[in-house]
Amino acid sequence: GKTTLLMTICGRPQPWTGDIVFDGRSLVGLPTFQIARRGVAHVPEGRH
């Protein structure tokens, strides 16, 4: 579940339950581009 966790932090997939709070604000429900704008950068497996 390691990769799934990183992808869920980035909004794809969205959480079913629970919360992800980054720098004081929830990320749940936000699209990936807004999560990136808040300061989260993802270097995926396989580099892409």
ModelCIF file with pLDDT and N, C-alpha, C, O atoms, coordinates in Angstrom:
data_MODEL
#
_entry.id   MODEL 
#
_entity.id                         1 
_entity.type                       polymer 
_entity.pdbx_number_of_molecules   1 
#
_entity_poly.entity_id                      1 
_entity_poly.type                           'polypeptide(L)' 
_entity_poly.nstd_linkage                   no 
_entity_poly.nstd_monomer                   no 
_entity_poly.pdbx_seq_one_letter_code       GKTTLLMTICGRPQPWTGDIVFDGRSLVGLPTFQIARRGVAHVPEGRH 
_entity_poly.pdbx_seq_one_letter_code_can   GKTTLLMTICGRPQPWTGDIVFDGRSLVGLPTFQIARRGVAHVPEGRH 
_entity_poly.pdbx_strand_id                 A 
#
loop_
_entity_poly_seq.entity_id 
_entity_poly_seq.num 
_entity_poly_seq.mon_id 
_entity_poly_seq.hetero 
1 1  GLY n 
1 2  LYS n 
1 3  THR n 
1 4  THR n 
1 5  LEU n 
1 6  LEU n 
1 7  MET n 
1 8  THR n 
1 9  ILE n 
1 10 CYS n 
1 11 GLY n 
1 12 ARG n 
1 13 PRO n 
1 14 GLN n 
1 15 PRO n 
1 16 TRP n 
1 17 THR n 
1 18 GLY n 
1 19 ASP n 
1 20 ILE n 
1 21 VAL n 
1 22 PHE n 
1 23 ASP n 
1 24 GLY n 
1 25 ARG n 
1 26 SER n 
1 27 LEU n 
1 28 VAL n 
1 29 GLY n 
1 30 LEU n 
1 31 PRO n 
1 32 THR n 
1 33 PHE n 
1 34 GLN n 
1 35 ILE n 
1 36 ALA n 
1 37 ARG n 
1 38 ARG n 
1 39 GLY n 
1 40 VAL n 
1 41 ALA n 
1 42 HIS n 
1 43 VAL n 
1 44 PRO n 
1 45 GLU n 
1 46 GLY n 
1 47 ARG n 
1 48 HIS n 
#
_struct_asym.id          A 
_struct_asym.entity_id   1 
#
loop_
_ma_qa_metric.id 
_ma_qa_metric.mode 
_ma_qa_metric.name 
_ma_qa_metric.software_group_id 
_ma_qa_metric.type 
1 global pLDDT . pLDDT 
2 local  pLDDT . pLDDT 
#
_ma_qa_metric_global.metric_id      1 
_ma_qa_metric_global.metric_value   95.54 
_ma_qa_metric_global.model_id       1 
_ma_qa_metric_global.ordinal_id     1 
#
loop_
_ma_qa_metric_local.label_asym_id 
_ma_qa_metric_local.label_comp_id 
_ma_qa_metric_local.label_seq_id 
_ma_qa_metric_local.metric_id 
_ma_qa_metric_local.metric_value 
_ma_qa_metric_local.model_id 
_ma_qa_metric_local.ordinal_id 
A GLY 1  2 94.00 1 1  
A LYS 2  2 95.00 1 2  
A THR 3  2 95.00 1 3  
A THR 4  2 96.00 1 4  
A LEU 5  2 97.00 1 5  
A LEU 6  2 97.00 1 6  
A MET 7  2 97.00 1 7  
A THR 8  2 97.00 1 8  
A ILE 9  2 98.00 1 9  
A CYS 10 2 97.00 1 10 
A GLY 11 2 96.00 1 11 
A ARG 12 2 93.00 1 12 
A PRO 13 2 95.00 1 13 
A GLN 14 2 95.00 1 14 
A PRO 15 2 97.00 1 15 
A TRP 16 2 97.00 1 16 
A THR 17 2 97.00 1 17 
A GLY 18 2 97.00 1 18 
A ASP 19 2 98.00 1 19 
A ILE 20 2 98.00 1 20 
A VAL 21 2 98.00 1 21 
A PHE 22 2 98.00 1 22 
A ASP 23 2 96.00 1 23 
A GLY 24 2 96.00 1 24 
A ARG 25 2 97.00 1 25 
A SER 26 2 98.00 1 26 
A LEU 27 2 97.00 1 27 
A VAL 28 2 97.00 1 28 
A GLY 29 2 96.00 1 29 
A LEU 30 2 96.00 1 30 
A PRO 31 2 96.00 1 31 
A THR 32 2 95.00 1 32 
A PHE 33 2 94.00 1 33 
A GLN 34 2 96.00 1 34 
A ILE 35 2 97.00 1 35 
A ALA 36 2 95.00 1 36 
A ARG 37 2 94.00 1 37 
A ARG 38 2 96.00 1 38 
A GLY 39 2 96.00 1 39 
A VAL 40 2 97.00 1 40 
A ALA 41 2 97.00 1 41 
A HIS 42 2 96.00 1 42 
A VAL 43 2 95.00 1 43 
A PRO 44 2 92.00 1 44 
A GLU 45 2 90.00 1 45 
A GLY 46 2 86.00 1 46 
A ARG 47 2 87.00 1 47 
A HIS 48 2 92.00 1 48 
#
loop_
_atom_site.group_PDB 
_atom_site.id 
_atom_site.type_symbol 
_atom_site.label_atom_id 
_atom_site.label_alt_id 
_atom_site.label_comp_id 
_atom_site.label_asym_id 
_atom_site.label_entity_id 
_atom_site.label_seq_id 
_atom_site.pdbx_PDB_ins_code 
_atom_site.Cartn_x 
_atom_site.Cartn_y 
_atom_site.Cartn_z 
_atom_site.occupancy 
_atom_site.B_iso_or_equiv 
_atom_site.pdbx_formal_charge 
_atom_site.auth_seq_id 
_atom_site.auth_comp_id 
_atom_site.auth_asym_id 
_atom_site.auth_atom_id 
_atom_site.pdbx_PDB_model_num 
ATOM 1   N N  . GLY A 1 1  ? 0.794   -1.227 0.000   1.00 94.00 ? 1  GLY A N  1 
ATOM 2   C CA . GLY A 1 1  ? 0.000   0.000  0.000   1.00 94.00 ? 1  GLY A CA 1 
ATOM 3   C C  . GLY A 1 1  ? 0.824   1.273  0.000   1.00 94.00 ? 1  GLY A C  1 
ATOM 4   O O  . GLY A 1 1  ? 0.269   2.361  0.152   1.00 94.00 ? 1  GLY A O  1 
ATOM 5   N N  . LYS A 1 2  ? 2.140   1.165  -0.168  1.00 95.00 ? 2  LYS A N  1 
ATOM 6   C CA . LYS A 1 2  ? 3.006   2.335  -0.089  1.00 95.00 ? 2  LYS A CA 1 
ATOM 7   C C  . LYS A 1 2  ? 2.676   3.358  -1.185  1.00 95.00 ? 2  LYS A C  1 
ATOM 8   O O  . LYS A 1 2  ? 2.438   4.532  -0.901  1.00 95.00 ? 2  LYS A O  1 
ATOM 9   N N  . THR A 1 3  ? 2.668   2.895  -2.436  1.00 95.00 ? 3  THR A N  1 
ATOM 10  C CA . THR A 1 3  ? 2.394   3.801  -3.550  1.00 95.00 ? 3  THR A CA 1 
ATOM 11  C C  . THR A 1 3  ? 0.977   4.345  -3.475  1.00 95.00 ? 3  THR A C  1 
ATOM 12  O O  . THR A 1 3  ? 0.747   5.517  -3.772  1.00 95.00 ? 3  THR A O  1 
ATOM 13  N N  . THR A 1 4  ? 0.029   3.509  -3.083  1.00 96.00 ? 4  THR A N  1 
ATOM 14  C CA . THR A 1 4  ? -1.357  3.982  -2.950  1.00 96.00 ? 4  THR A CA 1 
ATOM 15  C C  . THR A 1 4  ? -1.448  5.113  -1.944  1.00 96.00 ? 4  THR A C  1 
ATOM 16  O O  . THR A 1 4  ? -2.212  6.057  -2.143  1.00 96.00 ? 4  THR A O  1 
ATOM 17  N N  . LEU A 1 5  ? -0.679  5.035  -0.863  1.00 97.00 ? 5  LEU A N  1 
ATOM 18  C CA . LEU A 1 5  ? -0.707  6.105  0.131   1.00 97.00 ? 5  LEU A CA 1 
ATOM 19  C C  . LEU A 1 5  ? -0.216  7.422  -0.469  1.00 97.00 ? 5  LEU A C  1 
ATOM 20  O O  . LEU A 1 5  ? -0.848  8.459  -0.267  1.00 97.00 ? 5  LEU A O  1 
ATOM 21  N N  . LEU A 1 6  ? 0.892   7.399  -1.198  1.00 97.00 ? 6  LEU A N  1 
ATOM 22  C CA . LEU A 1 6  ? 1.385   8.628  -1.806  1.00 97.00 ? 6  LEU A CA 1 
ATOM 23  C C  . LEU A 1 6  ? 0.384   9.181  -2.814  1.00 97.00 ? 6  LEU A C  1 
ATOM 24  O O  . LEU A 1 6  ? 0.153   10.389 -2.871  1.00 97.00 ? 6  LEU A O  1 
ATOM 25  N N  . MET A 1 7  ? -0.203  8.300  -3.600  1.00 97.00 ? 7  MET A N  1 
ATOM 26  C CA . MET A 1 7  ? -1.172  8.755  -4.594  1.00 97.00 ? 7  MET A CA 1 
ATOM 27  C C  . MET A 1 7  ? -2.420  9.337  -3.930  1.00 97.00 ? 7  MET A C  1 
ATOM 28  O O  . MET A 1 7  ? -3.016  10.281 -4.450  1.00 97.00 ? 7  MET A O  1 
ATOM 29  N N  . THR A 1 8  ? -2.817  8.780  -2.783  1.00 97.00 ? 8  THR A N  1 
ATOM 30  C CA . THR A 1 8  ? -3.981  9.304  -2.065  1.00 97.00 ? 8  THR A CA 1 
ATOM 31  C C  . THR A 1 8  ? -3.683  10.677 -1.485  1.00 97.00 ? 8  THR A C  1 
ATOM 32  O O  . THR A 1 8  ? -4.548  11.553 -1.492  1.00 97.00 ? 8  THR A O  1 
ATOM 33  N N  . ILE A 1 9  ? -2.472  10.874 -0.984  1.00 98.00 ? 9  ILE A N  1 
ATOM 34  C CA . ILE A 1 9  ? -2.075  12.210 -0.521  1.00 98.00 ? 9  ILE A CA 1 
ATOM 35  C C  . ILE A 1 9  ? -2.221  13.218 -1.660  1.00 98.00 ? 9  ILE A C  1 
ATOM 36  O O  . ILE A 1 9  ? -2.616  14.363 -1.441  1.00 98.00 ? 9  ILE A O  1 
ATOM 37  N N  . CYS A 1 10 ? -1.897  12.779 -2.879  1.00 97.00 ? 10 CYS A N  1 
ATOM 38  C CA . CYS A 1 10 ? -1.962  13.654 -4.051  1.00 97.00 ? 10 CYS A CA 1 
ATOM 39  C C  . CYS A 1 10 ? -3.347  13.720 -4.690  1.00 97.00 ? 10 CYS A C  1 
ATOM 40  O O  . CYS A 1 10 ? -3.519  14.387 -5.710  1.00 97.00 ? 10 CYS A O  1 
ATOM 41  N N  . GLY A 1 11 ? -4.336  13.043 -4.110  1.00 96.00 ? 11 GLY A N  1 
ATOM 42  C CA . GLY A 1 11 ? -5.712  13.206 -4.562  1.00 96.00 ? 11 GLY A CA 1 
ATOM 43  C C  . GLY A 1 11 ? -6.224  12.195 -5.557  1.00 96.00 ? 11 GLY A C  1 
ATOM 44  O O  . GLY A 1 11 ? -7.368  12.305 -5.997  1.00 96.00 ? 11 GLY A O  1 
ATOM 45  N N  . ARG A 1 12 ? -5.424  11.216 -5.928  1.00 93.00 ? 12 ARG A N  1 
ATOM 46  C CA . ARG A 1 12 ? -5.874  10.170 -6.852  1.00 93.00 ? 12 ARG A CA 1 
ATOM 47  C C  . ARG A 1 12 ? -5.327  8.831  -6.392  1.00 93.00 ? 12 ARG A C  1 
ATOM 48  O O  . ARG A 1 12 ? -4.157  8.533  -6.633  1.00 93.00 ? 12 ARG A O  1 
ATOM 49  N N  . PRO A 1 13 ? -6.154  8.006  -5.727  1.00 95.00 ? 13 PRO A N  1 
ATOM 50  C CA . PRO A 1 13 ? -7.590  8.147  -5.469  1.00 95.00 ? 13 PRO A CA 1 
ATOM 51  C C  . PRO A 1 13 ? -7.871  9.076  -4.281  1.00 95.00 ? 13 PRO A C  1 
ATOM 52  O O  . PRO A 1 13 ? -6.981  9.384  -3.489  1.00 95.00 ? 13 PRO A O  1 
ATOM 53  N N  . GLN A 1 14 ? -9.107  9.503  -4.182  1.00 95.00 ? 14 GLN A N  1 
ATOM 54  C CA . GLN A 1 14 ? -9.541  10.271 -3.024  1.00 95.00 ? 14 GLN A CA 1 
ATOM 55  C C  . GLN A 1 14 ? -9.774  9.329  -1.841  1.00 95.00 ? 14 GLN A C  1 
ATOM 56  O O  . GLN A 1 14 ? -10.153 8.175  -2.037  1.00 95.00 ? 14 GLN A O  1 
ATOM 57  N N  . PRO A 1 15 ? -9.550  9.812  -0.616  1.00 97.00 ? 15 PRO A N  1 
ATOM 58  C CA . PRO A 1 15 ? -9.806  8.966  0.562   1.00 97.00 ? 15 PRO A CA 1 
ATOM 59  C C  . PRO A 1 15 ? -11.271 8.556  0.657   1.00 97.00 ? 15 PRO A C  1 
ATOM 60  O O  . PRO A 1 15 ? -12.170 9.304  0.271   1.00 97.00 ? 15 PRO A O  1 
ATOM 61  N N  . TRP A 1 16 ? -11.490 7.362  1.175   1.00 97.00 ? 16 TRP A N  1 
ATOM 62  C CA . TRP A 1 16 ? -12.846 6.936  1.477   1.00 97.00 ? 16 TRP A CA 1 
ATOM 63  C C  . TRP A 1 16 ? -13.287 7.499  2.821   1.00 97.00 ? 16 TRP A C  1 
ATOM 64  O O  . TRP A 1 16 ? -14.392 8.026  2.949   1.00 97.00 ? 16 TRP A O  1 
ATOM 65  N N  . THR A 1 17 ? -12.428 7.385  3.809   1.00 97.00 ? 17 THR A N  1 
ATOM 66  C CA . THR A 1 17 ? -12.698 7.961  5.133   1.00 97.00 ? 17 THR A CA 1 
ATOM 67  C C  . THR A 1 17 ? -11.394 8.541  5.662   1.00 97.00 ? 17 THR A C  1 
ATOM 68  O O  . THR A 1 17 ? -10.317 8.285  5.124   1.00 97.00 ? 17 THR A O  1 
ATOM 69  N N  . GLY A 1 18 ? -11.512 9.327  6.728   1.00 97.00 ? 18 GLY A N  1 
ATOM 70  C CA . GLY A 1 18 ? -10.338 9.895  7.360   1.00 97.00 ? 18 GLY A CA 1 
ATOM 71  C C  . GLY A 1 18 ? -9.981  11.252 6.782   1.00 97.00 ? 18 GLY A C  1 
ATOM 72  O O  . GLY A 1 18 ? -10.731 11.820 5.988   1.00 97.00 ? 18 GLY A O  1 
ATOM 73  N N  . ASP A 1 19 ? -8.824  11.767 7.191   1.00 98.00 ? 19 ASP A N  1 
ATOM 74  C CA . ASP A 1 19 ? -8.418  13.109 6.794   1.00 98.00 ? 19 ASP A CA 1 
ATOM 75  C C  . ASP A 1 19 ? -6.920  13.135 6.515   1.00 98.00 ? 19 ASP A C  1 
ATOM 76  O O  . ASP A 1 19 ? -6.147  12.366 7.086   1.00 98.00 ? 19 ASP A O  1 
ATOM 77  N N  . ILE A 1 20 ? -6.533  14.045 5.618   1.00 98.00 ? 20 ILE A N  1 
ATOM 78  C CA . ILE A 1 20 ? -5.133  14.326 5.320   1.00 98.00 ? 20 ILE A CA 1 
ATOM 79  C C  . ILE A 1 20 ? -4.961  15.826 5.501   1.00 98.00 ? 20 ILE A C  1 
ATOM 80  O O  . ILE A 1 20 ? -5.466  16.615 4.702   1.00 98.00 ? 20 ILE A O  1 
ATOM 81  N N  . VAL A 1 21 ? -4.254  16.217 6.545   1.00 98.00 ? 21 VAL A N  1 
ATOM 82  C CA . VAL A 1 21 ? -4.066  17.636 6.854   1.00 98.00 ? 21 VAL A CA 1 
ATOM 83  C C  . VAL A 1 21 ? -2.619  18.002 6.553   1.00 98.00 ? 21 VAL A C  1 
ATOM 84  O O  . VAL A 1 21 ? -1.692  17.454 7.148   1.00 98.00 ? 21 VAL A O  1 
ATOM 85  N N  . PHE A 1 22 ? -2.436  18.936 5.620   1.00 98.00 ? 22 PHE A N  1 
ATOM 86  C CA . PHE A 1 22 ? -1.104  19.372 5.225   1.00 98.00 ? 22 PHE A CA 1 
ATOM 87  C C  . PHE A 1 22 ? -0.947  20.852 5.531   1.00 98.00 ? 22 PHE A C  1 
ATOM 88  O O  . PHE A 1 22 ? -1.723  21.684 5.060   1.00 98.00 ? 22 PHE A O  1 
ATOM 89  N N  . ASP A 1 23 ? 0.066   21.167 6.325   1.00 96.00 ? 23 ASP A N  1 
ATOM 90  C CA . ASP A 1 23 ? 0.358   22.556 6.674   1.00 96.00 ? 23 ASP A CA 1 
ATOM 91  C C  . ASP A 1 23 ? -0.885  23.263 7.213   1.00 96.00 ? 23 ASP A C  1 
ATOM 92  O O  . ASP A 1 23 ? -1.134  24.431 6.915   1.00 96.00 ? 23 ASP A O  1 
ATOM 93  N N  . GLY A 1 24 ? -1.661  22.523 8.018   1.00 96.00 ? 24 GLY A N  1 
ATOM 94  C CA . GLY A 1 24 ? -2.807  23.107 8.708   1.00 96.00 ? 24 GLY A CA 1 
ATOM 95  C C  . GLY A 1 24 ? -4.127  23.072 7.957   1.00 96.00 ? 24 GLY A C  1 
ATOM 96  O O  . GLY A 1 24 ? -5.151  23.497 8.494   1.00 96.00 ? 24 GLY A O  1 
ATOM 97  N N  . ARG A 1 25 ? -4.125  22.568 6.710   1.00 97.00 ? 25 ARG A N  1 
ATOM 98  C CA . ARG A 1 25 ? -5.361  22.544 5.932   1.00 97.00 ? 25 ARG A CA 1 
ATOM 99  C C  . ARG A 1 25 ? -5.582  21.162 5.331   1.00 97.00 ? 25 ARG A C  1 
ATOM 100 O O  . ARG A 1 25 ? -4.634  20.483 4.938   1.00 97.00 ? 25 ARG A O  1 
ATOM 101 N N  . SER A 1 26 ? -6.860  20.752 5.267   1.00 98.00 ? 26 SER A N  1 
ATOM 102 C CA . SER A 1 26 ? -7.188  19.444 4.732   1.00 98.00 ? 26 SER A CA 1 
ATOM 103 C C  . SER A 1 26 ? -7.007  19.417 3.217   1.00 98.00 ? 26 SER A C  1 
ATOM 104 O O  . SER A 1 26 ? -7.318  20.379 2.514   1.00 98.00 ? 26 SER A O  1 
ATOM 105 N N  . LEU A 1 27 ? -6.495  18.285 2.738   1.00 97.00 ? 27 LEU A N  1 
ATOM 106 C CA . LEU A 1 27 ? -6.349  18.078 1.297   1.00 97.00 ? 27 LEU A CA 1 
ATOM 107 C C  . LEU A 1 27 ? -7.503  17.274 0.707   1.00 97.00 ? 27 LEU A C  1 
ATOM 108 O O  . LEU A 1 27 ? -7.622  17.166 -0.514  1.00 97.00 ? 27 LEU A O  1 
ATOM 109 N N  . VAL A 1 28 ? -8.350  16.712 1.559   1.00 97.00 ? 28 VAL A N  1 
ATOM 110 C CA . VAL A 1 28 ? -9.412  15.828 1.086   1.00 97.00 ? 28 VAL A CA 1 
ATOM 111 C C  . VAL A 1 28 ? -10.380 16.603 0.190   1.00 97.00 ? 28 VAL A C  1 
ATOM 112 O O  . VAL A 1 28 ? -10.850 17.686 0.540   1.00 97.00 ? 28 VAL A O  1 
ATOM 113 N N  . GLY A 1 29 ? -10.660 16.022 -0.969  1.00 96.00 ? 29 GLY A N  1 
ATOM 114 C CA . GLY A 1 29 ? -11.589 16.629 -1.918  1.00 96.00 ? 29 GLY A CA 1 
ATOM 115 C C  . GLY A 1 29 ? -10.935 17.546 -2.922  1.00 96.00 ? 29 GLY A C  1 
ATOM 116 O O  . GLY A 1 29 ? -11.578 17.955 -3.889  1.00 96.00 ? 29 GLY A O  1 
ATOM 117 N N  . LEU A 1 30 ? -9.657  17.886 -2.718  1.00 96.00 ? 30 LEU A N  1 
ATOM 118 C CA . LEU A 1 30 ? -8.980  18.783 -3.650  1.00 96.00 ? 30 LEU A CA 1 
ATOM 119 C C  . LEU A 1 30 ? -8.465  18.014 -4.861  1.00 96.00 ? 30 LEU A C  1 
ATOM 120 O O  . LEU A 1 30 ? -8.040  16.867 -4.725  1.00 96.00 ? 30 LEU A O  1 
ATOM 121 N N  . PRO A 1 31 ? -8.496  18.626 -6.045  1.00 96.00 ? 31 PRO A N  1 
ATOM 122 C CA . PRO A 1 31 ? -7.858  18.002 -7.209  1.00 96.00 ? 31 PRO A CA 1 
ATOM 123 C C  . PRO A 1 31 ? -6.342  18.062 -7.062  1.00 96.00 ? 31 PRO A C  1 
ATOM 124 O O  . PRO A 1 31 ? -5.814  18.854 -6.281  1.00 96.00 ? 31 PRO A O  1 
ATOM 125 N N  . THR A 1 32 ? -5.656  17.225 -7.810  1.00 95.00 ? 32 THR A N  1 
ATOM 126 C CA . THR A 1 32 ? -4.212  17.089 -7.671  1.00 95.00 ? 32 THR A CA 1 
ATOM 127 C C  . THR A 1 32 ? -3.479  18.406 -7.900  1.00 95.00 ? 32 THR A C  1 
ATOM 128 O O  . THR A 1 32 ? -2.522  18.703 -7.184  1.00 95.00 ? 32 THR A O  1 
ATOM 129 N N  . PHE A 1 33 ? -3.905  19.205 -8.880  1.00 94.00 ? 33 PHE A N  1 
ATOM 130 C CA . PHE A 1 33 ? -3.163  20.432 -9.171  1.00 94.00 ? 33 PHE A CA 1 
ATOM 131 C C  . PHE A 1 33 ? -3.235  21.418 -8.004  1.00 94.00 ? 33 PHE A C  1 
ATOM 132 O O  . PHE A 1 33 ? -2.285  22.168 -7.778  1.00 94.00 ? 33 PHE A O  1 
ATOM 133 N N  . GLN A 1 34 ? -4.347  21.429 -7.258  1.00 96.00 ? 34 GLN A N  1 
ATOM 134 C CA . GLN A 1 34 ? -4.427  22.316 -6.103  1.00 96.00 ? 34 GLN A CA 1 
ATOM 135 C C  . GLN A 1 34 ? -3.552  21.817 -4.964  1.00 96.00 ? 34 GLN A C  1 
ATOM 136 O O  . GLN A 1 34 ? -2.980  22.619 -4.226  1.00 96.00 ? 34 GLN A O  1 
ATOM 137 N N  . ILE A 1 35 ? -3.443  20.501 -4.813  1.00 97.00 ? 35 ILE A N  1 
ATOM 138 C CA . ILE A 1 35 ? -2.548  19.933 -3.793  1.00 97.00 ? 35 ILE A CA 1 
ATOM 139 C C  . ILE A 1 35 ? -1.104  20.297 -4.126  1.00 97.00 ? 35 ILE A C  1 
ATOM 140 O O  . ILE A 1 35 ? -0.330  20.645 -3.234  1.00 97.00 ? 35 ILE A O  1 
ATOM 141 N N  . ALA A 1 36 ? -0.739  20.219 -5.402  1.00 95.00 ? 36 ALA A N  1 
ATOM 142 C CA . ALA A 1 36 ? 0.609   20.613 -5.819  1.00 95.00 ? 36 ALA A CA 1 
ATOM 143 C C  . ALA A 1 36 ? 0.853   22.087 -5.532  1.00 95.00 ? 36 ALA A C  1 
ATOM 144 O O  . ALA A 1 36 ? 1.944   22.456 -5.096  1.00 95.00 ? 36 ALA A O  1 
ATOM 145 N N  . ARG A 1 37 ? -0.138  22.928 -5.767  1.00 94.00 ? 37 ARG A N  1 
ATOM 146 C CA . ARG A 1 37 ? 0.022   24.360 -5.516  1.00 94.00 ? 37 ARG A CA 1 
ATOM 147 C C  . ARG A 1 37 ? 0.188   24.683 -4.038  1.00 94.00 ? 37 ARG A C  1 
ATOM 148 O O  . ARG A 1 37 ? 0.743   25.724 -3.686  1.00 94.00 ? 37 ARG A O  1 
ATOM 149 N N  . ARG A 1 38 ? -0.286  23.804 -3.181  1.00 96.00 ? 38 ARG A N  1 
ATOM 150 C CA . ARG A 1 38 ? -0.108  24.019 -1.739  1.00 96.00 ? 38 ARG A CA 1 
ATOM 151 C C  . ARG A 1 38 ? 1.281   23.627 -1.262  1.00 96.00 ? 38 ARG A C  1 
ATOM 152 O O  . ARG A 1 38 ? 1.640   23.894 -0.115  1.00 96.00 ? 38 ARG A O  1 
ATOM 153 N N  . GLY A 1 39 ? 2.074   22.990 -2.138  1.00 96.00 ? 39 GLY A N  1 
ATOM 154 C CA . GLY A 1 39 ? 3.456   22.722 -1.778  1.00 96.00 ? 39 GLY A CA 1 
ATOM 155 C C  . GLY A 1 39 ? 3.827   21.265 -1.654  1.00 96.00 ? 39 GLY A C  1 
ATOM 156 O O  . GLY A 1 39 ? 4.836   20.940 -1.026  1.00 96.00 ? 39 GLY A O  1 
ATOM 157 N N  . VAL A 1 40 ? 3.027   20.359 -2.244  1.00 97.00 ? 40 VAL A N  1 
ATOM 158 C CA . VAL A 1 40 ? 3.329   18.927 -2.226  1.00 97.00 ? 40 VAL A CA 1 
ATOM 159 C C  . VAL A 1 40 ? 3.836   18.526 -3.611  1.00 97.00 ? 40 VAL A C  1 
ATOM 160 O O  . VAL A 1 40 ? 3.134   18.700 -4.607  1.00 97.00 ? 40 VAL A O  1 
ATOM 161 N N  . ALA A 1 41 ? 5.057   17.987 -3.672  1.00 97.00 ? 41 ALA A N  1 
ATOM 162 C CA . ALA A 1 41 ? 5.629   17.516 -4.932  1.00 97.00 ? 41 ALA A CA 1 
ATOM 163 C C  . ALA A 1 41 ? 5.839   16.018 -4.865  1.00 97.00 ? 41 ALA A C  1 
ATOM 164 O O  . ALA A 1 41 ? 6.336   15.491 -3.870  1.00 97.00 ? 41 ALA A O  1 
ATOM 165 N N  . HIS A 1 42 ? 5.457   15.338 -5.929  1.00 96.00 ? 42 HIS A N  1 
ATOM 166 C CA . HIS A 1 42 ? 5.497   13.878 -5.976  1.00 96.00 ? 42 HIS A CA 1 
ATOM 167 C C  . HIS A 1 42 ? 6.486   13.436 -7.051  1.00 96.00 ? 42 HIS A C  1 
ATOM 168 O O  . HIS A 1 42 ? 6.336   13.790 -8.220  1.00 96.00 ? 42 HIS A O  1 
ATOM 169 N N  . VAL A 1 43 ? 7.486   12.669 -6.657  1.00 95.00 ? 43 VAL A N  1 
ATOM 170 C CA . VAL A 1 43 ? 8.391   12.027 -7.623  1.00 95.00 ? 43 VAL A CA 1 
ATOM 171 C C  . VAL A 1 43 ? 7.969   10.569 -7.694  1.00 95.00 ? 43 VAL A C  1 
ATOM 172 O O  . VAL A 1 43 ? 8.311   9.788  -6.806  1.00 95.00 ? 43 VAL A O  1 
ATOM 173 N N  . PRO A 1 44 ? 7.234   10.185 -8.732  1.00 92.00 ? 44 PRO A N  1 
ATOM 174 C CA . PRO A 1 44 ? 6.608   8.852  -8.748  1.00 92.00 ? 44 PRO A CA 1 
ATOM 175 C C  . PRO A 1 44 ? 7.593   7.736  -9.048  1.00 92.00 ? 44 PRO A C  1 
ATOM 176 O O  . PRO A 1 44 ? 8.683   7.966  -9.572  1.00 92.00 ? 44 PRO A O  1 
ATOM 177 N N  . GLU A 1 45 ? 7.188   6.536  -8.707  1.00 90.00 ? 45 GLU A N  1 
ATOM 178 C CA . GLU A 1 45 ? 7.959   5.354  -9.091  1.00 90.00 ? 45 GLU A CA 1 
ATOM 179 C C  . GLU A 1 45 ? 8.060   5.294  -10.616 1.00 90.00 ? 45 GLU A C  1 
ATOM 180 O O  . GLU A 1 45 ? 7.068   5.482  -11.321 1.00 90.00 ? 45 GLU A O  1 
ATOM 181 N N  . GLY A 1 46 ? 9.255   5.033  -11.111 1.00 86.00 ? 46 GLY A N  1 
ATOM 182 C CA . GLY A 1 46 ? 9.439   4.999  -12.559 1.00 86.00 ? 46 GLY A CA 1 
ATOM 183 C C  . GLY A 1 46 ? 9.745   6.351  -13.166 1.00 86.00 ? 46 GLY A C  1 
ATOM 184 O O  . GLY A 1 46 ? 9.930   6.457  -14.378 1.00 86.00 ? 46 GLY A O  1 
ATOM 185 N N  . ARG A 1 47 ? 9.802   7.395  -12.337 1.00 87.00 ? 47 ARG A N  1 
ATOM 186 C CA . ARG A 1 47 ? 10.278  8.727  -12.695 1.00 87.00 ? 47 ARG A CA 1 
ATOM 187 C C  . ARG A 1 47 ? 9.281   9.535  -13.517 1.00 87.00 ? 47 ARG A C  1 
ATOM 188 O O  . ARG A 1 47 ? 8.965   10.667 -13.151 1.00 87.00 ? 47 ARG A O  1 
ATOM 189 N N  . HIS A 1 48 ? 8.779   8.981  -14.618 1.00 92.00 ? 48 HIS A N  1 
ATOM 190 C CA . HIS A 1 48 ? 7.760   9.648  -15.451 1.00 92.00 ? 48 HIS A CA 1 
ATOM 191 C C  . HIS A 1 48 ? 8.173   11.051 -15.873 1.00 92.00 ? 48 HIS A C  1 
ATOM 192 O O  . HIS A 1 48 ? 7.422   11.731 -16.572 1.00 92.00 ? 48 HIS A O  1 
#
